[in-house]
């Protein structure tokens, strides 16, 4: 992909990120590690949020018990 993204494309991707984060929060989860390396763009210019290793339930956050959704132990 071209490294120089248009401002319209940047806005479109940012809106997708906000909608994705809203969807996570509405379902009771926090990602915990949003950074450029964890934001992927598919061939149709859809933003994909990746790497949920630090994701936690909002319920556990309220209880101050941060337990991962995905085990780091294989």
C-alpha atoms as a PDB file:
ATOM      1  CA  UNK A   1       0.000   0.000   0.000  1.00  0.00           C
ATOM      2  CA  UNK A   2       1.151   3.514  -0.699  1.00  0.00           C
ATOM      3  CA  UNK A   3       2.717   5.058   2.418  1.00  0.00           C
ATOM      4  CA  UNK A   4       1.046   8.418   1.667  1.00  0.00           C
ATOM      5  CA  UNK A   5      -2.587   7.963   2.647  1.00  0.00           C
ATOM      6  CA  UNK A   6      -5.113  10.588   1.613  1.00  0.00           C
ATOM      7  CA  UNK A   7      -6.822  12.562   4.362  1.00  0.00           C
ATOM      8  CA  UNK A   8     -10.154  11.007   3.331  1.00  0.00           C
ATOM      9  CA  UNK A   9      -8.749   7.502   3.720  1.00  0.00           C
ATOM     10  CA  UNK A  10      -7.235   8.404   7.083  1.00  0.00           C
ATOM     11  CA  UNK A  11     -10.635   9.695   8.277  1.00  0.00           C
ATOM     12  CA  UNK A  12     -12.329   6.539   6.953  1.00  0.00           C
ATOM     13  CA  UNK A  13      -9.868   4.268   8.783  1.00  0.00           C
ATOM     14  CA  UNK A  14     -10.094   6.334  11.969  1.00  0.00           C
ATOM     15  CA  UNK A  15     -13.899   6.080  11.885  1.00  0.00           C
ATOM     16  CA  UNK A  16     -13.583   2.302  11.534  1.00  0.00           C
ATOM     17  CA  UNK A  17     -11.238   2.251  14.536  1.00  0.00           C
ATOM     18  CA  UNK A  18     -13.695   4.264  16.630  1.00  0.00           C
ATOM     19  CA  UNK A  19     -16.572   1.990  15.615  1.00  0.00           C
ATOM     20  CA  UNK A  20     -14.511  -1.096  16.397  1.00  0.00           C
ATOM     21  CA  UNK A  21     -13.500   0.224  19.814  1.00  0.00           C
ATOM     22  CA  UNK A  22     -17.123   1.181  20.510  1.00  0.00           C
ATOM     23  CA  UNK A  23     -18.214  -2.340  19.570  1.00  0.00           C
ATOM     24  CA  UNK A  24     -15.623  -3.840  21.932  1.00  0.00           C
ATOM     25  CA  UNK A  25     -16.654  -1.552  24.791  1.00  0.00           C
ATOM     26  CA  UNK A  26     -20.369  -2.163  24.181  1.00  0.00           C
ATOM     27  CA  UNK A  27     -19.641  -5.889  24.488  1.00  0.00           C
ATOM     28  CA  UNK A  28     -17.800  -5.389  27.757  1.00  0.00           C
ATOM     29  CA  UNK A  29     -14.148  -5.534  26.691  1.00  0.00           C
ATOM     30  CA  UNK A  30     -11.098  -3.285  26.539  1.00  0.00           C
ATOM     31  CA  UNK A  31      -8.369  -4.036  23.963  1.00  0.00           C
ATOM     32  CA  UNK A  32      -5.446  -2.944  26.129  1.00  0.00           C
ATOM     33  CA  UNK A  33      -2.810  -2.553  23.404  1.00  0.00           C
ATOM     34  CA  UNK A  34      -3.977  -0.292  20.577  1.00  0.00           C
ATOM     35  CA  UNK A  35      -0.952   0.767  18.545  1.00  0.00           C
ATOM     36  CA  UNK A  36      -0.153   0.960  14.812  1.00  0.00           C
ATOM     37  CA  UNK A  37       1.309  -2.559  14.755  1.00  0.00           C
ATOM     38  CA  UNK A  38      -2.054  -3.949  15.922  1.00  0.00           C
ATOM     39  CA  UNK A  39      -4.114  -2.134  13.301  1.00  0.00           C
ATOM     40  CA  UNK A  40      -4.213  -3.958   9.989  1.00  0.00           C
ATOM     41  CA  UNK A  41      -5.777  -2.921   6.685  1.00  0.00           C
ATOM     42  CA  UNK A  42      -7.141  -5.569   4.340  1.00  0.00           C
ATOM     43  CA  UNK A  43      -7.243  -5.386   0.548  1.00  0.00           C
ATOM     44  CA  UNK A  44     -10.712  -3.752   0.703  1.00  0.00           C
ATOM     45  CA  UNK A  45      -9.392  -0.995   3.005  1.00  0.00           C
ATOM     46  CA  UNK A  46     -11.171  -2.403   6.041  1.00  0.00           C
ATOM     47  CA  UNK A  47      -9.438  -1.798   9.352  1.00  0.00           C
ATOM     48  CA  UNK A  48      -8.795  -4.954  11.362  1.00  0.00           C
ATOM     49  CA  UNK A  49      -7.980  -4.694  15.054  1.00  0.00           C
ATOM     50  CA  UNK A  50      -5.504  -7.439  15.977  1.00  0.00           C
ATOM     51  CA  UNK A  51      -3.605  -8.847  18.981  1.00  0.00           C
ATOM     52  CA  UNK A  52      -6.023  -9.257  21.858  1.00  0.00           C
ATOM     53  CA  UNK A  53      -3.417 -10.653  24.276  1.00  0.00           C
ATOM     54  CA  UNK A  54      -3.930  -7.740  26.709  1.00  0.00           C
ATOM     55  CA  UNK A  55      -7.710  -7.519  26.320  1.00  0.00           C
ATOM     56  CA  UNK A  56      -9.704  -7.549  29.535  1.00  0.00           C
ATOM     57  CA  UNK A  57     -13.332  -7.663  30.536  1.00  0.00           C
ATOM     58  CA  UNK A  58     -14.777  -4.360  31.751  1.00  0.00           C
ATOM     59  CA  UNK A  59     -16.330  -6.319  34.636  1.00  0.00           C
ATOM     60  CA  UNK A  60     -12.926  -7.487  35.814  1.00  0.00           C
ATOM     61  CA  UNK A  61     -11.642  -3.918  35.437  1.00  0.00           C
ATOM     62  CA  UNK A  62     -14.423  -2.672  37.709  1.00  0.00           C
ATOM     63  CA  UNK A  63     -13.405  -5.306  40.263  1.00  0.00           C
ATOM     64  CA  UNK A  64      -9.702  -4.420  39.797  1.00  0.00           C
ATOM     65  CA  UNK A  65      -9.025  -7.982  38.637  1.00  0.00           C
ATOM     66  CA  UNK A  66      -7.377  -7.805  35.226  1.00  0.00           C
ATOM     67  CA  UNK A  67      -7.573 -11.282  33.782  1.00  0.00           C
ATOM     68  CA  UNK A  68      -6.679 -11.799  30.101  1.00  0.00           C
ATOM     69  CA  UNK A  69      -9.333 -13.041  27.700  1.00  0.00           C
ATOM     70  CA  UNK A  70      -6.754 -15.187  25.949  1.00  0.00           C
ATOM     71  CA  UNK A  71      -4.253 -17.243  27.867  1.00  0.00           C
ATOM     72  CA  UNK A  72      -0.611 -16.511  27.147  1.00  0.00           C
ATOM     73  CA  UNK A  73       0.231 -20.083  28.162  1.00  0.00           C
ATOM     74  CA  UNK A  74       0.105 -22.614  25.346  1.00  0.00           C
END
